[in-house]
N, C-alpha and C. Protein backbone atom coordinates (compact mmCIF):
# COMPACT_ATOMS: atom_id res chain seq x y z
N MET A 1 -44.64 6.52 -6.47
CA MET A 1 -44.24 5.78 -5.29
C MET A 1 -43.03 4.89 -5.60
N VAL A 2 -43.06 4.20 -6.74
CA VAL A 2 -41.94 3.33 -7.12
C VAL A 2 -40.68 4.16 -7.31
N VAL A 3 -40.83 5.35 -7.91
CA VAL A 3 -39.68 6.22 -8.13
C VAL A 3 -39.07 6.65 -6.79
N ASN A 4 -39.93 7.01 -5.82
CA ASN A 4 -39.44 7.41 -4.50
C ASN A 4 -38.71 6.26 -3.81
N CYS A 5 -39.22 5.04 -3.95
CA CYS A 5 -38.57 3.87 -3.36
C CYS A 5 -37.20 3.64 -4.01
N MET A 6 -37.12 3.84 -5.33
CA MET A 6 -35.86 3.66 -6.03
C MET A 6 -34.84 4.72 -5.58
N LYS A 7 -35.30 5.97 -5.41
CA LYS A 7 -34.40 7.01 -4.94
C LYS A 7 -33.89 6.68 -3.54
N PHE A 8 -34.81 6.24 -2.67
CA PHE A 8 -34.43 5.89 -1.31
C PHE A 8 -33.43 4.73 -1.32
N ALA A 9 -33.68 3.73 -2.15
CA ALA A 9 -32.78 2.57 -2.23
C ALA A 9 -31.40 3.01 -2.72
N GLY A 10 -31.36 3.91 -3.70
CA GLY A 10 -30.08 4.41 -4.21
C GLY A 10 -29.31 5.17 -3.16
N ILE A 11 -29.99 6.05 -2.43
CA ILE A 11 -29.34 6.82 -1.36
C ILE A 11 -28.87 5.90 -0.25
N PHE A 12 -29.69 4.94 0.12
CA PHE A 12 -29.33 3.98 1.16
C PHE A 12 -28.08 3.19 0.75
N PHE A 13 -28.04 2.76 -0.51
CA PHE A 13 -26.88 2.01 -1.02
C PHE A 13 -25.61 2.85 -0.93
N ILE A 14 -25.69 4.11 -1.32
CA ILE A 14 -24.53 5.01 -1.28
C ILE A 14 -24.05 5.18 0.16
N LEU A 15 -24.97 5.39 1.09
CA LEU A 15 -24.59 5.57 2.49
C LEU A 15 -23.94 4.30 3.06
N VAL A 16 -24.54 3.16 2.79
CA VAL A 16 -23.99 1.90 3.29
C VAL A 16 -22.63 1.63 2.66
N SER A 17 -22.49 1.89 1.37
CA SER A 17 -21.21 1.69 0.68
C SER A 17 -20.14 2.59 1.26
N SER A 18 -20.48 3.83 1.54
CA SER A 18 -19.51 4.76 2.11
C SER A 18 -19.06 4.29 3.48
N PHE A 19 -19.99 3.84 4.30
CA PHE A 19 -19.65 3.35 5.64
C PHE A 19 -18.77 2.11 5.54
N THR A 20 -19.12 1.20 4.64
CA THR A 20 -18.35 -0.03 4.47
C THR A 20 -16.95 0.29 3.97
N PHE A 21 -16.84 1.20 3.01
CA PHE A 21 -15.53 1.56 2.46
C PHE A 21 -14.65 2.14 3.56
N ALA A 22 -15.21 3.05 4.37
CA ALA A 22 -14.44 3.67 5.44
C ALA A 22 -13.99 2.62 6.45
N LYS A 23 -14.83 1.63 6.67
CA LYS A 23 -14.48 0.58 7.62
C LYS A 23 -13.37 -0.31 7.06
N GLU A 24 -13.44 -0.63 5.77
CA GLU A 24 -12.45 -1.51 5.16
C GLU A 24 -11.09 -0.83 5.01
N PHE A 25 -11.07 0.44 4.64
CA PHE A 25 -9.83 1.17 4.44
C PHE A 25 -9.86 2.42 5.33
N PRO A 26 -9.46 2.26 6.60
CA PRO A 26 -9.52 3.39 7.54
C PRO A 26 -8.74 4.62 7.05
N CYS A 27 -7.72 4.42 6.27
CA CYS A 27 -6.93 5.54 5.74
C CYS A 27 -7.44 5.94 4.36
N GLY A 28 -8.58 5.41 3.96
CA GLY A 28 -9.07 5.64 2.61
C GLY A 28 -8.25 4.82 1.64
N GLU A 29 -8.49 4.98 0.37
CA GLU A 29 -7.72 4.21 -0.61
C GLU A 29 -6.44 4.93 -0.99
N THR A 30 -6.05 5.92 -0.21
CA THR A 30 -4.86 6.71 -0.52
C THR A 30 -3.60 5.86 -0.61
N PHE A 31 -3.51 4.81 0.20
CA PHE A 31 -2.30 3.97 0.17
C PHE A 31 -2.47 2.74 -0.71
N VAL A 32 -3.63 2.58 -1.32
CA VAL A 32 -3.89 1.43 -2.18
C VAL A 32 -3.25 1.64 -3.55
N LYS A 33 -3.30 2.86 -4.05
CA LYS A 33 -2.67 3.15 -5.34
C LYS A 33 -2.14 4.58 -5.34
N GLY A 34 -0.95 4.72 -5.88
CA GLY A 34 -0.31 6.03 -5.93
C GLY A 34 1.20 5.90 -5.93
N GLU A 35 1.87 7.03 -5.74
CA GLU A 35 3.34 7.06 -5.67
C GLU A 35 3.73 7.56 -4.29
N TYR A 36 4.69 6.86 -3.66
CA TYR A 36 5.07 7.14 -2.29
C TYR A 36 6.58 7.20 -2.14
N VAL A 37 7.03 7.94 -1.13
CA VAL A 37 8.44 7.99 -0.80
C VAL A 37 8.58 7.71 0.69
N LEU A 38 9.75 7.21 1.06
CA LEU A 38 10.05 7.05 2.48
C LEU A 38 10.20 8.43 3.09
N VAL A 39 9.65 8.63 4.27
CA VAL A 39 9.82 9.89 4.97
C VAL A 39 11.30 10.03 5.29
N ASP A 40 11.82 11.21 5.19
CA ASP A 40 13.23 11.53 5.45
C ASP A 40 14.18 10.98 4.39
N SER A 41 13.70 10.74 3.18
CA SER A 41 14.61 10.38 2.08
C SER A 41 14.29 11.28 0.90
N ARG A 42 15.24 11.44 0.02
CA ARG A 42 14.99 12.24 -1.18
C ARG A 42 14.09 11.44 -2.12
N ASP A 43 13.24 12.14 -2.86
CA ASP A 43 12.27 11.49 -3.74
C ASP A 43 12.91 10.54 -4.74
N ASP A 44 14.13 10.83 -5.22
CA ASP A 44 14.74 9.98 -6.23
C ASP A 44 15.55 8.84 -5.63
N GLU A 45 15.78 8.88 -4.32
CA GLU A 45 16.58 7.85 -3.67
C GLU A 45 15.83 6.52 -3.57
N TYR A 46 14.61 6.58 -3.07
CA TYR A 46 13.76 5.40 -2.97
C TYR A 46 12.32 5.86 -3.10
N TYR A 47 11.59 5.25 -4.00
CA TYR A 47 10.16 5.53 -4.09
C TYR A 47 9.43 4.30 -4.59
N MET A 48 8.13 4.31 -4.38
CA MET A 48 7.30 3.15 -4.69
C MET A 48 6.08 3.61 -5.47
N VAL A 49 5.70 2.82 -6.47
CA VAL A 49 4.50 3.08 -7.25
C VAL A 49 3.60 1.87 -7.05
N ARG A 50 2.36 2.11 -6.66
CA ARG A 50 1.44 0.99 -6.43
C ARG A 50 0.13 1.20 -7.18
N LYS A 51 -0.30 0.14 -7.81
CA LYS A 51 -1.63 0.04 -8.41
C LYS A 51 -2.26 -1.14 -7.69
N LYS A 52 -3.27 -0.92 -6.97
CA LYS A 52 -3.93 -1.87 -6.07
C LYS A 52 -3.25 -3.22 -5.88
N ASN A 53 -3.02 -4.01 -6.94
CA ASN A 53 -2.47 -5.36 -6.79
C ASN A 53 -1.04 -5.52 -7.31
N LYS A 54 -0.41 -4.40 -7.67
CA LYS A 54 0.97 -4.46 -8.17
C LYS A 54 1.77 -3.31 -7.55
N GLN A 55 3.00 -3.61 -7.20
CA GLN A 55 3.85 -2.61 -6.56
C GLN A 55 5.23 -2.66 -7.21
N ILE A 56 5.78 -1.49 -7.52
CA ILE A 56 7.14 -1.41 -8.05
C ILE A 56 7.92 -0.48 -7.13
N GLU A 57 9.01 -1.01 -6.57
CA GLU A 57 9.88 -0.22 -5.70
C GLU A 57 11.13 0.15 -6.49
N TYR A 58 11.42 1.44 -6.53
CA TYR A 58 12.61 1.95 -7.21
C TYR A 58 13.59 2.42 -6.15
N PHE A 59 14.85 2.05 -6.30
CA PHE A 59 15.87 2.50 -5.37
C PHE A 59 17.16 2.70 -6.13
N ASN A 60 18.19 3.14 -5.42
CA ASN A 60 19.46 3.45 -6.06
C ASN A 60 19.25 4.49 -7.16
N HIS A 61 18.43 5.52 -6.81
CA HIS A 61 18.10 6.61 -7.73
C HIS A 61 17.44 6.12 -9.02
N GLY A 62 16.61 5.10 -8.91
CA GLY A 62 15.87 4.58 -10.05
C GLY A 62 16.62 3.58 -10.91
N LYS A 63 17.87 3.26 -10.55
CA LYS A 63 18.66 2.31 -11.33
C LYS A 63 18.28 0.86 -11.04
N SER A 64 17.63 0.63 -9.91
CA SER A 64 17.24 -0.72 -9.52
C SER A 64 15.75 -0.72 -9.17
N LYS A 65 15.12 -1.88 -9.35
CA LYS A 65 13.71 -1.96 -8.97
C LYS A 65 13.32 -3.40 -8.65
N VAL A 66 12.25 -3.51 -7.88
CA VAL A 66 11.65 -4.80 -7.53
C VAL A 66 10.16 -4.69 -7.85
N VAL A 67 9.66 -5.64 -8.64
CA VAL A 67 8.25 -5.68 -8.99
C VAL A 67 7.60 -6.75 -8.12
N SER A 68 6.50 -6.38 -7.47
CA SER A 68 5.84 -7.30 -6.55
C SER A 68 4.35 -7.35 -6.80
N LYS A 69 3.76 -8.47 -6.41
CA LYS A 69 2.31 -8.63 -6.42
C LYS A 69 1.83 -8.28 -5.01
N VAL A 70 0.71 -7.58 -4.92
CA VAL A 70 0.14 -7.19 -3.64
C VAL A 70 -1.23 -7.84 -3.49
N LYS A 71 -1.45 -8.46 -2.34
CA LYS A 71 -2.76 -9.06 -2.05
C LYS A 71 -3.27 -8.44 -0.75
N TRP A 72 -4.36 -7.68 -0.84
CA TRP A 72 -4.94 -7.04 0.33
C TRP A 72 -5.76 -8.06 1.12
N LEU A 73 -5.45 -8.20 2.41
CA LEU A 73 -6.19 -9.09 3.29
C LEU A 73 -7.37 -8.35 3.92
N ASN A 74 -7.17 -7.08 4.23
CA ASN A 74 -8.22 -6.20 4.73
C ASN A 74 -7.74 -4.77 4.50
N GLY A 75 -8.42 -3.81 5.06
CA GLY A 75 -8.07 -2.41 4.83
C GLY A 75 -6.77 -1.96 5.44
N ASN A 76 -6.21 -2.75 6.35
CA ASN A 76 -4.96 -2.37 7.02
C ASN A 76 -3.79 -3.28 6.70
N THR A 77 -4.04 -4.45 6.14
CA THR A 77 -2.99 -5.45 5.99
C THR A 77 -2.96 -5.99 4.57
N TYR A 78 -1.74 -6.15 4.06
CA TYR A 78 -1.58 -6.74 2.74
C TYR A 78 -0.31 -7.59 2.69
N LEU A 79 -0.28 -8.51 1.76
CA LEU A 79 0.88 -9.36 1.53
C LEU A 79 1.62 -8.87 0.30
N VAL A 80 2.94 -8.98 0.32
CA VAL A 80 3.77 -8.60 -0.82
C VAL A 80 4.56 -9.81 -1.26
N TYR A 81 4.42 -10.16 -2.54
CA TYR A 81 5.16 -11.27 -3.14
C TYR A 81 6.06 -10.69 -4.21
N SER A 82 7.37 -10.68 -3.99
CA SER A 82 8.30 -10.15 -5.00
C SER A 82 8.40 -11.14 -6.15
N ILE A 83 8.25 -10.63 -7.38
CA ILE A 83 8.25 -11.53 -8.52
C ILE A 83 9.38 -11.26 -9.52
N LYS A 84 9.89 -10.03 -9.58
CA LYS A 84 10.99 -9.73 -10.50
C LYS A 84 11.94 -8.73 -9.86
N TYR A 85 13.21 -8.97 -10.09
CA TYR A 85 14.26 -8.09 -9.58
C TYR A 85 15.05 -7.54 -10.76
N TYR A 86 15.29 -6.26 -10.76
CA TYR A 86 16.08 -5.63 -11.80
C TYR A 86 17.22 -4.86 -11.14
N ASN A 87 18.45 -5.32 -11.33
CA ASN A 87 19.61 -4.64 -10.78
C ASN A 87 19.60 -4.60 -9.25
N ALA A 88 18.89 -5.50 -8.62
CA ALA A 88 18.81 -5.54 -7.16
C ALA A 88 19.95 -6.39 -6.61
N PRO A 89 20.37 -6.13 -5.37
CA PRO A 89 21.42 -6.95 -4.78
C PRO A 89 21.01 -8.43 -4.74
N LYS A 90 21.96 -9.32 -5.02
CA LYS A 90 21.67 -10.77 -5.02
C LYS A 90 21.11 -11.24 -3.68
N SER A 91 21.53 -10.60 -2.60
CA SER A 91 21.05 -11.00 -1.27
C SER A 91 19.54 -10.83 -1.16
N TRP A 92 18.96 -9.87 -1.89
CA TRP A 92 17.51 -9.68 -1.86
C TRP A 92 16.82 -10.89 -2.46
N GLU A 93 17.32 -11.35 -3.60
CA GLU A 93 16.71 -12.50 -4.27
C GLU A 93 16.88 -13.77 -3.45
N GLN A 94 18.03 -13.93 -2.82
CA GLN A 94 18.29 -15.14 -2.03
C GLN A 94 17.42 -15.19 -0.78
N ASN A 95 17.06 -14.05 -0.25
CA ASN A 95 16.22 -13.99 0.94
C ASN A 95 14.76 -13.74 0.59
N ASP A 96 14.39 -14.00 -0.66
CA ASP A 96 13.04 -13.74 -1.12
C ASP A 96 12.03 -14.52 -0.27
N GLN A 97 11.05 -13.81 0.25
CA GLN A 97 9.99 -14.43 1.02
C GLN A 97 8.78 -13.51 1.01
N ASP A 98 7.65 -14.08 1.37
CA ASP A 98 6.44 -13.27 1.44
C ASP A 98 6.55 -12.33 2.64
N ILE A 99 6.04 -11.15 2.47
CA ILE A 99 6.12 -10.12 3.50
C ILE A 99 4.71 -9.67 3.84
N THR A 100 4.43 -9.52 5.12
CA THR A 100 3.14 -9.00 5.58
C THR A 100 3.36 -7.56 6.03
N VAL A 101 2.54 -6.66 5.48
CA VAL A 101 2.64 -5.25 5.83
C VAL A 101 1.32 -4.82 6.48
N THR A 102 1.43 -4.13 7.61
CA THR A 102 0.26 -3.63 8.31
C THR A 102 0.37 -2.11 8.42
N ILE A 103 -0.69 -1.42 8.02
CA ILE A 103 -0.74 0.03 8.20
C ILE A 103 -1.13 0.26 9.66
N VAL A 104 -0.18 0.76 10.44
CA VAL A 104 -0.41 0.97 11.87
C VAL A 104 -1.31 2.18 12.08
N ASP A 105 -0.99 3.28 11.41
CA ASP A 105 -1.86 4.46 11.44
C ASP A 105 -1.48 5.39 10.30
N CYS A 106 -2.30 6.39 10.11
CA CYS A 106 -2.04 7.37 9.06
C CYS A 106 -2.54 8.72 9.55
N GLU A 107 -1.63 9.66 9.60
CA GLU A 107 -1.98 11.01 10.02
C GLU A 107 -1.21 12.01 9.19
N GLY A 108 -1.88 13.06 8.79
CA GLY A 108 -1.21 14.13 8.05
C GLY A 108 -0.54 13.68 6.77
N GLY A 109 -1.09 12.68 6.10
CA GLY A 109 -0.52 12.19 4.85
C GLY A 109 0.67 11.27 5.02
N VAL A 110 0.96 10.86 6.28
CA VAL A 110 2.06 9.93 6.54
C VAL A 110 1.47 8.59 6.97
N PHE A 111 1.96 7.53 6.34
CA PHE A 111 1.51 6.17 6.64
C PHE A 111 2.58 5.46 7.44
N ASN A 112 2.27 5.02 8.64
CA ASN A 112 3.20 4.26 9.47
C ASN A 112 2.94 2.78 9.25
N LEU A 113 3.96 2.06 8.80
CA LEU A 113 3.81 0.66 8.43
C LEU A 113 4.67 -0.24 9.30
N LYS A 114 4.14 -1.43 9.58
CA LYS A 114 4.92 -2.48 10.24
C LYS A 114 5.11 -3.58 9.20
N VAL A 115 6.37 -3.95 8.96
CA VAL A 115 6.71 -4.96 7.96
C VAL A 115 7.20 -6.20 8.68
N GLN A 116 6.57 -7.35 8.34
CA GLN A 116 6.92 -8.62 8.97
C GLN A 116 7.31 -9.64 7.92
N ALA A 117 8.45 -10.27 8.13
CA ALA A 117 8.90 -11.38 7.28
C ALA A 117 9.25 -12.52 8.23
N SER A 118 8.92 -13.75 7.84
CA SER A 118 9.16 -14.87 8.75
C SER A 118 10.62 -14.98 9.14
N GLY A 119 10.85 -15.20 10.44
CA GLY A 119 12.20 -15.35 10.95
C GLY A 119 12.97 -14.06 11.11
N LYS A 120 12.33 -12.92 10.87
CA LYS A 120 13.00 -11.62 10.97
C LYS A 120 12.27 -10.76 12.01
N ASP A 121 12.99 -9.79 12.56
CA ASP A 121 12.36 -8.83 13.46
C ASP A 121 11.46 -7.90 12.66
N ASP A 122 10.40 -7.42 13.30
CA ASP A 122 9.52 -6.45 12.65
C ASP A 122 10.30 -5.18 12.38
N VAL A 123 9.99 -4.55 11.25
CA VAL A 123 10.63 -3.30 10.86
C VAL A 123 9.52 -2.29 10.63
N TYR A 124 9.77 -1.05 11.01
CA TYR A 124 8.77 0.01 10.85
C TYR A 124 9.27 1.05 9.86
N PHE A 125 8.36 1.48 8.98
CA PHE A 125 8.67 2.49 7.98
C PHE A 125 7.59 3.55 7.98
N LYS A 126 7.95 4.74 7.51
CA LYS A 126 6.99 5.82 7.32
C LYS A 126 7.06 6.23 5.86
N TYR A 127 5.88 6.24 5.22
CA TYR A 127 5.78 6.67 3.82
C TYR A 127 4.86 7.88 3.73
N LYS A 128 5.07 8.65 2.67
CA LYS A 128 4.16 9.75 2.36
C LYS A 128 3.97 9.79 0.86
N LEU A 129 2.92 10.46 0.43
CA LEU A 129 2.68 10.61 -1.00
C LEU A 129 3.84 11.36 -1.62
N LYS A 130 4.27 10.90 -2.78
CA LYS A 130 5.39 11.55 -3.47
C LYS A 130 4.98 12.97 -3.83
N GLY A 131 5.89 13.90 -3.58
CA GLY A 131 5.62 15.28 -3.90
C GLY A 131 4.93 16.07 -2.79
N SER A 132 4.56 15.39 -1.69
CA SER A 132 3.89 16.12 -0.60
C SER A 132 4.86 16.55 0.47
């Protein structure tokens, strides 16, 4: 009887965890970590590598990069704090500010994002997994 209760508790935990995970990250964790490119750009022109709480953006064919800290607020929204610039335009560093990114939707492996920075108009981007 105790063994059956333990099995039931384990199965219940897995089901609840799966439901909670799907609710927290509607697009799954596909955009939480991986390599991405802007839709309609060449893979070497601009791409991004993300590990849950760290993001590195490569541009200018990999000659320049920005390293940022990522803080997830929920499954659709995260904050980006740029912490290091390598070969980036000086204007980027001078306008350094926290950025809020919201995943608007995700279909067919494409992530539609809304990027908000204080005092600036919202900007929309489309990303896809690198190599797809």
